[in-house]
C-alpha atoms as a PDB file:
ATOM      1  CA  MET A   1      49.852  15.802   2.754  1.00  0.00           C
ATOM      2  CA  ASN A   2      46.692  17.180   0.908  1.00  0.00           C
ATOM      3  CA  ARG A   3      43.601  18.657   2.969  1.00  0.00           C
ATOM      4  CA  ARG A   4      41.216  15.193   1.727  1.00  0.00           C
ATOM      5  CA  GLU A   5      44.318  13.003   3.370  1.00  0.00           C
ATOM      6  CA  GLU A   6      44.091  15.079   5.945  1.00  0.00           C
ATOM      7  CA  ALA A   7      40.344  15.041   6.559  1.00  0.00           C
ATOM      8  CA  LEU A   8      40.901  10.875   5.955  1.00  0.00           C
ATOM      9  CA  ASP A   9      43.256  11.114   8.934  1.00  0.00           C
ATOM     10  CA  LEU A  10      41.264  12.544  11.114  1.00  0.00           C
ATOM     11  CA  ARG A  11      37.766  10.776  10.187  1.00  0.00           C
ATOM     12  CA  ARG A  12      40.067   7.383  11.066  1.00  0.00           C
ATOM     13  CA  GLU A  13      40.659   9.062  14.200  1.00  0.00           C
ATOM     14  CA  MET A  14      36.601   9.896  15.268  1.00  0.00           C
ATOM     15  CA  TYR A  15      35.521   6.443  14.145  1.00  0.00           C
ATOM     16  CA  THR A  16      38.006   4.830  16.371  1.00  0.00           C
ATOM     17  CA  ARG A  17      37.092   6.841  19.304  1.00  0.00           C
ATOM     18  CA  ALA A  18      33.757   7.124  19.237  1.00  0.00           C
ATOM     19  CA  VAL A  19      33.110   2.916  18.976  1.00  0.00           C
ATOM     20  CA  ALA A  20      35.857   3.238  21.856  1.00  0.00           C
ATOM     21  CA  LEU A  21      33.669   5.328  23.572  1.00  0.00           C
ATOM     22  CA  ASP A  22      30.488   2.727  22.572  1.00  0.00           C
ATOM     23  CA  LEU A  23      28.851   6.175  21.758  1.00  0.00           C
ATOM     24  CA  PRO A  24      25.480   5.684  20.690  1.00  0.00           C
ATOM     25  CA  ALA A  25      25.363   4.092  16.720  1.00  0.00           C
ATOM     26  CA  GLU A  26      23.008   6.882  15.638  1.00  0.00           C
ATOM     27  CA  THR A  27      26.321   8.339  16.176  1.00  0.00           C
ATOM     28  CA  ILE A  28      28.899   5.936  15.236  1.00  0.00           C
ATOM     29  CA  TYR A  29      27.101   5.907  11.919  1.00  0.00           C
ATOM     30  CA  LEU A  30      27.847   9.150  10.981  1.00  0.00           C
ATOM     31  CA  TYR A  31      31.343   9.022  11.218  1.00  0.00           C
ATOM     32  CA  VAL A  32      30.862   5.493   9.555  1.00  0.00           C
ATOM     33  CA  VAL A  33      29.517   8.079   6.641  1.00  0.00           C
ATOM     34  CA  ASN A  34      32.482  10.538   7.000  1.00  0.00           C
ATOM     35  CA  LEU A  35      35.200   7.620   7.260  1.00  0.00           C
ATOM     36  CA  SER A  36      33.461   6.028   3.848  1.00  0.00           C
ATOM     37  CA  ALA A  37      32.852   9.315   1.803  1.00  0.00           C
ATOM     38  CA  SER A  38      36.737  10.306   2.743  1.00  0.00           C
ATOM     39  CA  LEU A  39      38.082   6.281   1.147  1.00  0.00           C
ATOM     40  CA  VAL A  40      35.506   6.952  -1.410  1.00  0.00           C
ATOM     41  CA  ASN A  41      37.168  10.709  -1.958  1.00  0.00           C
ATOM     42  CA  THR A  42      40.844   9.135  -1.432  1.00  0.00           C
ATOM     43  CA  GLU A  43      40.222   6.174  -4.128  1.00  0.00           C
ATOM     44  CA  ARG A  44      40.559   4.083  -1.630  1.00  0.00           C
ATOM     45  CA  PHE A  45      37.754   2.091  -3.125  1.00  0.00           C
ATOM     46  CA  ASP A  46      39.260  -1.492  -1.637  1.00  0.00           C
ATOM     47  CA  GLU A  47      39.313  -0.323   1.532  1.00  0.00           C
ATOM     48  CA  ALA A  48      36.063   1.406   1.363  1.00  0.00           C
ATOM     49  CA  THR A  49      34.798  -1.841   0.045  1.00  0.00           C
ATOM     50  CA  SER A  50      36.159  -4.005   2.593  1.00  0.00           C
ATOM     51  CA  PHE A  51      35.061  -1.237   5.303  1.00  0.00           C
ATOM     52  CA  LEU A  52      31.537  -0.835   4.436  1.00  0.00           C
ATOM     53  CA  ARG A  53      30.807  -4.386   3.648  1.00  0.00           C
ATOM     54  CA  GLU A  54      31.571  -5.564   7.312  1.00  0.00           C
ATOM     55  CA  GLN A  55      29.435  -2.125   8.178  1.00  0.00           C
ATOM     56  CA  LEU A  56      26.647  -1.817   6.585  1.00  0.00           C
ATOM     57  CA  PRO A  57      24.102  -5.547   7.883  1.00  0.00           C
ATOM     58  CA  LYS A  58      25.171  -3.734  11.539  1.00  0.00           C
ATOM     59  CA  ALA A  59      23.447  -0.366  10.329  1.00  0.00           C
ATOM     60  CA  ARG A  60      20.630  -1.625   8.436  1.00  0.00           C
ATOM     61  CA  ARG A  61      20.423  -3.779  12.279  1.00  0.00           C
ATOM     62  CA  ALA A  62      20.740  -0.469  14.148  1.00  0.00           C
ATOM     63  CA  LEU A  63      19.648   1.917  11.877  1.00  0.00           C
ATOM     64  CA  GLY A  64      16.937   0.179   9.654  1.00  0.00           C
ATOM     65  CA  ALA A  65      17.205  -0.109   5.641  1.00  0.00           C
ATOM     66  CA  GLU A  66      15.661   3.294   4.603  1.00  0.00           C
ATOM     67  CA  ASP A  67      17.045   5.189   7.169  1.00  0.00           C
ATOM     68  CA  ASP A  68      19.033   8.210   5.541  1.00  0.00           C
ATOM     69  CA  THR A  69      22.942   7.171   6.823  1.00  0.00           C
ATOM     70  CA  VAL A  70      22.215   3.962   5.713  1.00  0.00           C
ATOM     71  CA  LEU A  71      21.211   4.511   2.701  1.00  0.00           C
ATOM     72  CA  GLN A  72      24.531   6.840   2.261  1.00  0.00           C
ATOM     73  CA  LEU A  73      26.444   3.710   3.137  1.00  0.00           C
ATOM     74  CA  CYS A  74      24.751   2.034   0.421  1.00  0.00           C
ATOM     75  CA  TRP A  75      25.666   4.896  -1.763  1.00  0.00           C
ATOM     76  CA  HIS A  76      29.419   4.970  -0.712  1.00  0.00           C
ATOM     77  CA  TYR A  77      29.231   1.345  -0.925  1.00  0.00           C
ATOM     78  CA  ALA A  78      27.452   0.676  -4.414  1.00  0.00           C
ATOM     79  CA  SER A  79      30.279   3.411  -5.998  1.00  0.00           C
ATOM     80  CA  SER A  80      33.302   2.031  -4.338  1.00  0.00           C
ATOM     81  CA  ILE A  81      33.047  -1.269  -5.485  1.00  0.00           C
ATOM     82  CA  CYS A  82      32.539  -0.425  -9.049  1.00  0.00           C
ATOM     83  CA  GLU A  83      35.762   1.628  -8.645  1.00  0.00           C
ATOM     84  CA  ALA A  84      37.855  -0.887  -6.862  1.00  0.00           C
ATOM     85  CA  ASP A  85      40.738  -1.658  -8.321  1.00  0.00           C
ATOM     86  CA  GLY A  86      40.608  -4.686 -10.459  1.00  0.00           C
ATOM     87  CA  ALA A  87      36.791  -4.535 -10.341  1.00  0.00           C
ATOM     88  CA  THR A  88      35.291  -7.285 -12.690  1.00  0.00           C
ATOM     89  CA  ARG A  89      32.168  -7.183 -14.457  1.00  0.00           C
ATOM     90  CA  ASP A  90      30.170  -9.313 -11.832  1.00  0.00           C
ATOM     91  CA  ASP A  91      31.356  -6.179  -9.554  1.00  0.00           C
ATOM     92  CA  VAL A  92      29.734  -3.781 -11.881  1.00  0.00           C
ATOM     93  CA  VAL A  93      26.953  -5.580 -12.078  1.00  0.00           C
ATOM     94  CA  GLU A  94      26.724  -5.838  -8.206  1.00  0.00           C
ATOM     95  CA  SER A  95      27.028  -1.919  -8.043  1.00  0.00           C
ATOM     96  CA  MET A  96      24.709  -1.848 -10.875  1.00  0.00           C
ATOM     97  CA  LYS A  97      22.190  -3.184  -8.897  1.00  0.00           C
ATOM     98  CA  LEU A  98      22.721  -1.282  -5.733  1.00  0.00           C
ATOM     99  CA  HIS A  99      22.106   1.773  -7.743  1.00  0.00           C
ATOM    100  CA  GLU A 100      19.086   0.458  -9.222  1.00  0.00           C
ATOM    101  CA  ASP A 101      17.043  -0.655  -6.043  1.00  0.00           C
ATOM    102  CA  LEU A 102      18.653   2.812  -3.952  1.00  0.00           C
ATOM    103  CA  GLY A 103      17.823   4.927  -6.879  1.00  0.00           C
ATOM    104  CA  ARG A 104      14.202   3.131  -6.286  1.00  0.00           C
ATOM    105  CA  THR A 105      14.008   3.656  -2.799  1.00  0.00           C
ATOM    106  CA  THR A 106      15.639   7.474  -2.926  1.00  0.00           C
ATOM    107  CA  LEU A 107      13.179   8.497  -5.785  1.00  0.00           C
ATOM    108  CA  ARG A 108      10.068   7.491  -3.113  1.00  0.00           C
ATOM    109  CA  ILE A 109      11.714   8.879  -0.048  1.00  0.00           C
ATOM    110  CA  TYR A 110      12.983  12.149  -1.897  1.00  0.00           C
ATOM    111  CA  GLY A 111      11.852  12.298  -5.458  1.00  0.00           C
ATOM    112  CA  LEU A 112      13.772  13.225  -7.655  1.00  0.00           C
ATOM    113  CA  ALA A 113      14.820  17.046  -6.668  1.00  0.00           C
ATOM    114  CA  HIS A 114      17.024  16.086  -4.030  1.00  0.00           C
ATOM    115  CA  PRO A 115      20.287  15.980  -4.023  1.00  0.00           C
ATOM    116  CA  PRO A 116      20.606  12.023  -2.723  1.00  0.00           C
ATOM    117  CA  ALA A 117      18.522  11.540  -5.688  1.00  0.00           C
ATOM    118  CA  LYS A 118      20.294  12.864  -8.013  1.00  0.00           C
ATOM    119  CA  ASN A 119      23.512  11.877  -6.294  1.00  0.00           C
ATOM    120  CA  VAL A 120      22.178   7.930  -7.204  1.00  0.00           C
ATOM    121  CA  GLN A 121      21.070   8.655 -10.339  1.00  0.00           C
ATOM    122  CA  GLY A 122      24.318   9.748 -12.127  1.00  0.00           C
ATOM    123  CA  THR A 123      26.575   7.568 -10.600  1.00  0.00           C
ATOM    124  CA  LEU A 124      24.011   4.802 -11.637  1.00  0.00           C
ATOM    125  CA  LYS A 125      24.954   6.092 -15.065  1.00  0.00           C
ATOM    126  CA  TYR A 126      28.195   5.711 -14.691  1.00  0.00           C
ATOM    127  CA  ALA A 127      27.860   2.159 -13.666  1.00  0.00           C
ATOM    128  CA  ARG A 128      26.147   1.334 -16.957  1.00  0.00           C
ATOM    129  CA  ALA A 129      29.233   3.134 -19.274  1.00  0.00           C
ATOM    130  CA  LYS A 130      31.415   0.918 -17.132  1.00  0.00           C
ATOM    131  CA  LEU A 131      29.282  -2.244 -17.705  1.00  0.00           C
ATOM    132  CA  ALA A 132      28.967  -1.090 -21.494  1.00  0.00           C
ATOM    133  CA  VAL A 133      32.436  -0.749 -21.661  1.00  0.00           C
ATOM    134  CA  PHE A 134      32.899  -4.666 -20.239  1.00  0.00           C
ATOM    135  CA  ASP A 135      30.272  -5.827 -22.913  1.00  0.00           C
ATOM    136  CA  THR A 136      32.209  -4.331 -25.903  1.00  0.00           C
ATOM    137  CA  PRO A 137      33.933  -6.338 -27.980  1.00  0.00           C
ATOM    138  CA  ILE A 138      37.637  -5.610 -28.814  1.00  0.00           C
END
């Protein structure tokens, strides 16, 4: 088992324990960020998409739409739907729209030089390139 797989196992366990212990929302959603990052890093995009689709609305209600943790979850979600097995053109378009919204928000909050803003711009470029592949005639 490689280190990323080990991290994923640990993060699953930590998230499960945090929920079982009924820790504060701020803490639980930090575990959600870590778990979703591990899901993306181990290329479990379908699982990440499903997990984040469930977690994002709860996180927005608990923390607010522009909370740093929520923005990270949005970025993981936008990235995962673009990369999911069998991602359709519509999935890539959704990912691109999410990245564009997130890009505007992170630029406004953090400025261009801040790592989250740069990361979002990088994955937005990737989503645009992937959409171009869908739109290129064979």
